[in-house]
Amino acid sequence: MAEFARRHVVVVAGGISHERDISLRSGRRVADSLTGYGWQVDLRDADASLLPALAADRPDVVWPALHGASGEDGALRGILEALDIPYVGSRSTSARLAWYKPTASALVSRAGVRTPRSITLSHDVFRELGAVGVLQAIASEHPVPLAVKPARGGSAQGVTLVDNVDDLPRAMVAAYTYCEDAVVEQLIRGTEIAVGIIDTGDGPLALSPVEIVPRNGFYGYEARYNAGETTFFTPARLSEEQSQAASAAAVLAHRALGLRHVSRVDLIVDGAGTPWFLEVNVLPGLTETSLVPQALSASGFDLGWTYAELAEQAIRDHSA
């Protein structure tokens, strides 16, 4: 307890991404939890004053709570590495791998986790080869139902589920709004779950899987962050065997991408009980409706204690 009380942490939240509001909510929740546990906490926005402040008053550790590109593509982490400041979360190289969904899926697939069949198309190729021809090729090799999503990004922004091939053009436009590359992948039907992973020094531990049941059938942006739009079951309504398989797949994905401290792996468990990897989040949301805090509570972890332990592990990793 006393060791925690002496720590000074800077929580970085906000930024200029599409997920700024969610980042601010996550940052405040982390700051409140650590403050309640006796830490000295500064909550700072990601603006031009951040780096001078870090250089002038070096904290014991930084907790990045930036969602979207600036917080999850490895850039901020690389800067913190250059400044030689400990921080919570995956290293910059691993974050870059996880941030680009096609690369993450390829690495996780090589590790032995099932991934949906997919194709990645840049906006330039889509325009150069002609929309009609590209869409016809996609439809012939990737029959509906499909999921179309930006190759980078979070909070399901720009994601569309396509049950009718006539809706594919609109889905591509929605994805390209958020990223220059779009992923078109086989839509796996089944139980949607999220498995939080924490590692405080003893190796990655899978938290209790959270089952996600959106009111409108799609776990989109509104369903994620508006209370009452989604029903969560923690633990997920899976058999013990299915739950163990999903947890093992999540840990395998976490390891395959070289992640550390905390992550969230999103999966679909199909009718045969097989877990399919969808994507991984190296900076999972920590708002009042987010999945990792729900899983921590359901698994018997105190939020303040866990966040402090993760920050302590970041300090230990830095000095190792």
Protein backbone atom coordinates (compact mmCIF):
# COMPACT_ATOMS: atom_id res chain seq x y z
CA MET A 1 0.00 0.00 0.00
CA ALA A 2 2.69 2.49 1.00
CA GLU A 3 4.65 1.83 -2.19
CA PHE A 4 1.60 2.59 -4.29
CA ALA A 5 0.91 5.81 -2.37
CA ARG A 6 4.28 7.27 -3.36
CA ARG A 7 3.80 6.79 -7.09
CA HIS A 8 3.16 9.65 -9.47
CA VAL A 9 1.26 8.70 -12.63
CA VAL A 10 0.26 10.79 -15.62
CA VAL A 11 -2.87 9.54 -17.36
CA VAL A 12 -2.96 10.74 -20.98
CA ALA A 13 -6.43 10.98 -22.52
CA GLY A 14 -8.32 12.90 -25.17
CA GLY A 15 -6.38 13.53 -28.35
CA ILE A 16 -7.89 14.33 -31.73
CA SER A 17 -9.10 10.94 -32.95
CA HIS A 18 -12.72 9.97 -33.62
CA GLU A 19 -12.69 8.34 -30.19
CA ARG A 20 -11.72 11.43 -28.18
CA ASP A 21 -14.82 11.42 -25.97
CA ILE A 22 -14.42 7.74 -25.11
CA SER A 23 -10.74 8.31 -24.34
CA LEU A 24 -11.60 11.09 -21.91
CA ARG A 25 -14.10 8.85 -20.15
CA SER A 26 -11.57 6.03 -19.90
CA GLY A 27 -8.88 8.40 -18.63
CA ARG A 28 -11.11 9.80 -15.91
CA ARG A 29 -12.05 6.32 -14.72
CA VAL A 30 -8.41 5.26 -14.50
CA ALA A 31 -7.46 8.50 -12.76
CA ASP A 32 -10.29 8.16 -10.24
CA SER A 33 -9.40 4.54 -9.50
CA LEU A 34 -5.72 5.30 -8.92
CA THR A 35 -6.47 8.44 -6.91
CA GLY A 36 -8.77 6.43 -4.69
CA TYR A 37 -5.94 3.99 -4.16
CA GLY A 38 -3.60 6.71 -2.94
CA TRP A 39 -1.71 7.62 -6.10
CA GLN A 40 -0.74 11.12 -7.17
CA VAL A 41 -2.48 11.38 -10.54
CA ASP A 42 -2.33 14.03 -13.24
CA LEU A 43 -4.84 13.72 -16.06
CA ARG A 44 -3.46 15.40 -19.18
CA ASP A 45 -4.70 15.83 -22.72
CA ALA A 46 -2.55 14.81 -25.67
CA ASP A 47 -1.61 18.28 -26.89
CA ALA A 48 1.49 20.42 -27.37
CA SER A 49 1.92 20.89 -23.61
CA LEU A 50 2.25 17.16 -22.86
CA LEU A 51 5.87 16.46 -23.76
CA PRO A 52 7.31 19.59 -22.06
CA ALA A 53 5.32 18.68 -18.94
CA LEU A 54 6.66 15.12 -18.94
CA ALA A 55 10.22 16.36 -19.42
CA ALA A 56 9.94 18.97 -16.67
CA ASP A 57 8.21 16.80 -14.07
CA ARG A 58 9.02 13.20 -14.92
CA PRO A 59 6.35 10.88 -13.52
CA ASP A 60 7.04 7.40 -12.23
CA VAL A 61 4.84 6.02 -14.99
CA VAL A 62 2.49 7.12 -17.77
CA TRP A 63 -0.87 5.46 -18.40
CA PRO A 64 -1.87 6.08 -22.03
CA ALA A 65 -5.66 6.15 -22.30
CA LEU A 66 -5.73 7.50 -25.85
CA HIS A 67 -8.07 5.54 -28.10
CA GLY A 68 -7.73 5.66 -31.84
CA ALA A 69 -4.58 6.10 -33.90
CA SER A 70 -2.56 8.37 -31.64
CA GLY A 71 -2.84 6.03 -28.69
CA GLU A 72 -2.93 2.62 -30.33
CA ASP A 73 -0.71 2.78 -33.42
CA GLY A 74 2.50 2.83 -31.40
CA ALA A 75 3.41 6.47 -31.99
CA LEU A 76 2.91 7.79 -28.45
CA ARG A 77 4.54 4.66 -27.03
CA GLY A 78 7.56 5.21 -29.24
CA ILE A 79 7.89 8.77 -27.96
CA LEU A 80 7.67 7.60 -24.35
CA GLU A 81 10.38 5.04 -25.12
CA ALA A 82 12.55 7.82 -26.56
CA LEU A 83 11.96 9.85 -23.38
CA ASP A 84 12.85 6.78 -21.28
CA ILE A 85 9.60 7.00 -19.29
CA PRO A 86 7.81 3.81 -18.15
CA TYR A 87 4.29 3.36 -19.47
CA VAL A 88 1.45 0.88 -19.13
CA GLY A 89 0.65 -1.23 -22.15
CA SER A 90 2.24 -2.92 -25.11
CA ARG A 91 5.46 -1.69 -26.64
CA SER A 92 5.35 0.44 -29.76
CA THR A 93 6.38 -2.37 -32.12
CA SER A 94 3.65 -4.73 -30.87
CA ALA A 95 1.05 -1.96 -30.87
CA ARG A 96 1.76 -1.25 -34.55
CA LEU A 97 1.27 -4.92 -35.42
CA ALA A 98 -2.01 -5.12 -33.53
CA TRP A 99 -3.31 -1.79 -34.82
CA TYR A 100 -3.34 -2.94 -38.45
CA LYS A 101 -6.05 -5.59 -38.40
CA PRO A 102 -4.94 -7.63 -41.44
CA THR A 103 -1.44 -8.04 -39.96
CA ALA A 104 -2.84 -8.92 -36.54
CA SER A 105 -5.14 -11.55 -38.05
CA ALA A 106 -2.30 -13.08 -40.08
CA LEU A 107 -0.04 -13.41 -37.05
CA VAL A 108 -2.79 -14.81 -34.85
CA SER A 109 -3.78 -17.28 -37.58
CA ARG A 110 -0.18 -18.49 -37.83
CA ALA A 111 -0.24 -19.09 -34.08
CA GLY A 112 -3.15 -21.51 -34.54
CA VAL A 113 -6.26 -19.45 -33.80
CA ARG A 114 -9.10 -19.57 -36.34
CA THR A 115 -9.67 -16.31 -38.24
CA PRO A 116 -12.38 -15.44 -40.79
CA ARG A 117 -11.50 -15.59 -44.48
CA SER A 118 -10.89 -12.02 -45.65
CA ILE A 119 -9.54 -9.63 -48.25
CA THR A 120 -8.01 -6.19 -47.69
CA LEU A 121 -8.50 -3.48 -50.30
CA SER A 122 -6.94 -0.04 -50.41
CA HIS A 123 -9.05 2.90 -51.48
CA ASP A 124 -6.62 3.56 -54.34
CA VAL A 125 -6.99 0.05 -55.75
CA PHE A 126 -10.75 0.29 -55.37
CA ARG A 127 -10.76 3.45 -57.50
CA GLU A 128 -8.09 2.41 -60.01
CA LEU A 129 -9.63 -0.97 -60.86
CA GLY A 130 -13.17 0.36 -60.85
CA ALA A 131 -15.76 -0.09 -58.14
CA VAL A 132 -18.04 -2.34 -60.19
CA GLY A 133 -15.33 -4.85 -61.11
CA VAL A 134 -13.87 -4.96 -57.60
CA LEU A 135 -17.25 -5.47 -55.99
CA GLN A 136 -18.13 -8.23 -58.45
CA ALA A 137 -14.84 -10.01 -57.66
CA ILE A 138 -15.48 -9.70 -53.92
CA ALA A 139 -19.03 -11.03 -54.25
CA SER A 140 -17.92 -14.04 -56.30
CA GLU A 141 -15.23 -15.15 -53.83
CA HIS A 142 -16.68 -13.85 -50.58
CA PRO A 143 -20.43 -14.51 -50.50
CA VAL A 144 -22.63 -12.78 -47.96
CA PRO A 145 -22.99 -12.52 -45.06
CA LEU A 146 -19.90 -10.34 -44.69
CA ALA A 147 -18.42 -7.86 -42.26
CA VAL A 148 -16.76 -4.77 -43.73
CA LYS A 149 -14.52 -2.68 -41.50
CA PRO A 150 -11.65 -0.20 -41.59
CA ALA A 151 -8.26 -1.89 -41.40
CA ARG A 152 -7.39 0.46 -38.55
CA GLY A 153 -9.60 1.90 -35.85
CA GLY A 154 -11.73 0.97 -32.90
CA SER A 155 -15.14 1.25 -31.27
CA ALA A 156 -16.71 -0.38 -34.36
CA GLN A 157 -16.64 2.93 -36.21
CA GLY A 158 -17.07 2.38 -39.94
CA VAL A 159 -18.09 -1.27 -39.46
CA THR A 160 -21.05 -2.66 -41.45
CA LEU A 161 -22.61 -6.11 -41.49
CA VAL A 162 -23.67 -7.02 -45.01
CA ASP A 163 -26.43 -9.58 -45.57
CA ASN A 164 -27.33 -8.40 -49.07
CA VAL A 165 -24.68 -7.93 -51.76
CA ASP A 166 -26.43 -4.74 -52.90
CA ASP A 167 -25.39 -3.16 -49.60
CA LEU A 168 -21.67 -3.80 -50.18
CA PRO A 169 -20.90 -0.46 -51.92
CA ARG A 170 -22.33 1.52 -49.00
CA ALA A 171 -20.35 -0.59 -46.56
CA MET A 172 -17.10 0.07 -48.43
CA VAL A 173 -17.75 3.82 -48.39
CA ALA A 174 -18.38 3.68 -44.63
CA ALA A 175 -15.11 1.85 -44.02
CA TYR A 176 -13.10 4.20 -46.24
CA THR A 177 -14.41 7.13 -44.22
CA TYR A 178 -12.18 5.99 -41.36
CA CYS A 179 -9.21 4.36 -43.11
CA GLU A 180 -7.64 4.11 -46.56
CA ASP A 181 -7.78 0.31 -46.32
CA ALA A 182 -10.96 -1.74 -45.87
CA VAL A 183 -11.25 -5.34 -44.74
CA VAL A 184 -14.02 -7.53 -46.16
CA GLU A 185 -14.33 -10.73 -44.18
CA GLN A 186 -16.53 -13.74 -43.71
CA LEU A 187 -19.17 -13.07 -41.08
CA ILE A 188 -19.05 -15.73 -38.39
CA ARG A 189 -22.34 -16.28 -36.61
CA GLY A 190 -22.34 -17.30 -32.98
CA THR A 191 -21.78 -15.94 -29.49
CA GLU A 192 -19.84 -12.69 -29.44
CA ILE A 193 -17.45 -12.44 -26.51
CA ALA A 194 -14.57 -10.32 -25.30
CA VAL A 195 -11.74 -11.75 -23.24
CA GLY A 196 -9.68 -9.30 -21.22
CA ILE A 197 -6.04 -10.18 -20.58
CA ILE A 198 -3.94 -8.80 -17.74
CA ASP A 199 -0.32 -9.50 -16.85
CA THR A 200 1.13 -8.21 -13.61
CA GLY A 201 4.31 -10.26 -13.86
CA ASP A 202 3.20 -13.90 -13.75
CA GLY A 203 2.24 -14.19 -17.41
CA PRO A 204 -0.96 -13.29 -19.27
CA LEU A 205 -4.15 -14.18 -17.41
CA ALA A 206 -7.50 -14.42 -19.20
CA LEU A 207 -10.32 -12.78 -17.30
CA SER A 208 -13.85 -14.11 -17.28
CA PRO A 209 -15.23 -13.91 -20.86
CA VAL A 210 -17.93 -11.28 -21.35
CA GLU A 211 -20.82 -12.18 -23.65
CA ILE A 212 -22.16 -9.29 -25.71
CA VAL A 213 -25.83 -9.16 -26.74
CA PRO A 214 -26.69 -5.84 -28.45
CA ARG A 215 -30.34 -4.85 -28.49
CA ASN A 216 -30.31 -4.26 -32.26
CA GLY A 217 -28.10 -7.27 -33.05
CA PHE A 218 -24.95 -5.27 -33.85
CA TYR A 219 -22.36 -4.19 -31.30
CA GLY A 220 -21.67 -0.82 -32.91
CA TYR A 221 -20.55 2.50 -31.49
CA GLU A 222 -23.88 3.44 -29.90
CA ALA A 223 -24.33 -0.03 -28.44
CA ARG A 224 -20.86 0.13 -26.88
CA TYR A 225 -21.11 3.40 -25.04
CA ASN A 226 -24.79 4.05 -24.29
CA ALA A 227 -26.20 2.33 -21.23
CA GLY A 228 -29.11 0.01 -21.97
CA GLU A 229 -28.20 -0.61 -25.62
CA THR A 230 -26.39 -3.88 -24.87
CA THR A 231 -26.84 -6.70 -22.39
CA PHE A 232 -23.68 -8.27 -21.03
CA PHE A 233 -23.32 -11.68 -19.43
CA THR A 234 -20.28 -12.19 -17.24
CA PRO A 235 -19.30 -14.94 -17.32
CA ALA A 236 -20.45 -15.64 -20.86
CA ARG A 237 -23.13 -18.28 -21.32
CA LEU A 238 -20.71 -20.88 -22.64
CA SER A 239 -19.93 -24.39 -21.56
CA GLU A 240 -16.83 -24.85 -19.45
CA GLU A 241 -15.07 -26.39 -22.42
CA GLN A 242 -16.02 -23.51 -24.73
CA SER A 243 -14.99 -20.93 -22.15
CA GLN A 244 -11.61 -22.56 -21.69
CA ALA A 245 -11.08 -22.76 -25.46
CA ALA A 246 -11.94 -19.07 -25.87
CA SER A 247 -9.63 -18.05 -23.02
CA ALA A 248 -6.80 -20.14 -24.46
CA ALA A 249 -7.31 -18.57 -27.89
CA ALA A 250 -7.23 -15.08 -26.37
CA VAL A 251 -3.99 -15.74 -24.50
CA LEU A 252 -2.48 -17.24 -27.66
CA ALA A 253 -3.42 -14.12 -29.64
CA HIS A 254 -1.99 -11.86 -26.92
CA ARG A 255 1.28 -13.80 -26.99
CA ALA A 256 1.43 -14.03 -30.80
CA LEU A 257 1.37 -10.25 -31.06
CA GLY A 258 3.87 -9.73 -28.25
CA LEU A 259 1.46 -7.72 -26.13
CA ARG A 260 1.93 -6.89 -22.45
CA HIS A 261 0.12 -5.66 -19.33
CA VAL A 262 -3.44 -5.41 -20.63
CA SER A 263 -5.36 -6.18 -23.80
CA ARG A 264 -8.80 -7.27 -24.93
CA VAL A 265 -9.35 -9.99 -27.52
CA ASP A 266 -12.67 -10.04 -29.38
CA LEU A 267 -13.93 -13.44 -30.49
CA ILE A 268 -16.94 -15.24 -31.91
CA VAL A 269 -17.70 -18.73 -30.62
CA ASP A 270 -19.53 -20.56 -33.40
CA GLY A 271 -22.20 -23.22 -33.07
CA ALA A 272 -19.59 -25.98 -32.87
CA GLY A 273 -17.88 -24.23 -29.96
CA THR A 274 -14.86 -23.03 -31.97
CA PRO A 275 -13.51 -19.56 -31.06
CA TRP A 276 -12.75 -17.26 -34.02
CA PHE A 277 -10.45 -14.26 -33.63
CA LEU A 278 -11.91 -10.93 -34.75
CA GLU A 279 -9.43 -8.36 -33.47
CA VAL A 280 -7.41 -7.30 -30.46
CA ASN A 281 -7.32 -4.00 -28.62
CA VAL A 282 -4.02 -2.98 -27.01
CA LEU A 283 -5.76 -0.15 -25.19
CA PRO A 284 -9.19 -1.47 -24.24
CA GLY A 285 -11.86 0.96 -23.16
CA LEU A 286 -12.08 1.53 -19.42
CA THR A 287 -15.32 3.49 -19.24
CA GLU A 288 -18.26 2.60 -17.01
CA THR A 289 -19.73 0.43 -19.80
CA SER A 290 -16.45 -1.08 -21.04
CA LEU A 291 -15.76 -4.78 -21.03
CA VAL A 292 -12.43 -5.10 -19.24
CA PRO A 293 -13.66 -3.38 -16.05
CA GLN A 294 -16.73 -5.65 -16.12
CA ALA A 295 -14.51 -8.70 -16.50
CA LEU A 296 -12.18 -7.56 -13.71
CA SER A 297 -15.07 -7.12 -11.31
CA ALA A 298 -16.60 -10.47 -12.29
CA SER A 299 -13.22 -12.14 -11.81
CA GLY A 300 -12.91 -10.73 -8.30
CA PHE A 301 -10.35 -8.00 -8.96
CA ASP A 302 -10.50 -4.55 -7.39
CA LEU A 303 -10.08 -1.93 -10.13
CA GLY A 304 -7.80 0.38 -8.15
CA TRP A 305 -5.56 -2.46 -7.02
CA THR A 306 -5.37 -3.95 -10.53
CA TYR A 307 -4.56 -0.65 -12.21
CA ALA A 308 -1.88 0.04 -9.60
CA GLU A 309 -0.42 -3.45 -10.10
CA LEU A 310 -0.33 -2.96 -13.87
CA ALA A 311 1.46 0.36 -13.45
CA GLU A 312 3.92 -1.21 -11.02
CA GLN A 313 4.60 -3.93 -13.57
CA ALA A 314 5.27 -1.28 -16.20
CA ILE A 315 7.87 0.26 -13.88
CA ARG A 316 9.45 -3.15 -13.25
CA ASP A 317 9.56 -3.95 -16.96
CA HIS A 318 11.19 -0.62 -17.68
CA SER A 319 13.97 -1.18 -15.18
CA ALA A 320 14.56 -4.82 -16.10
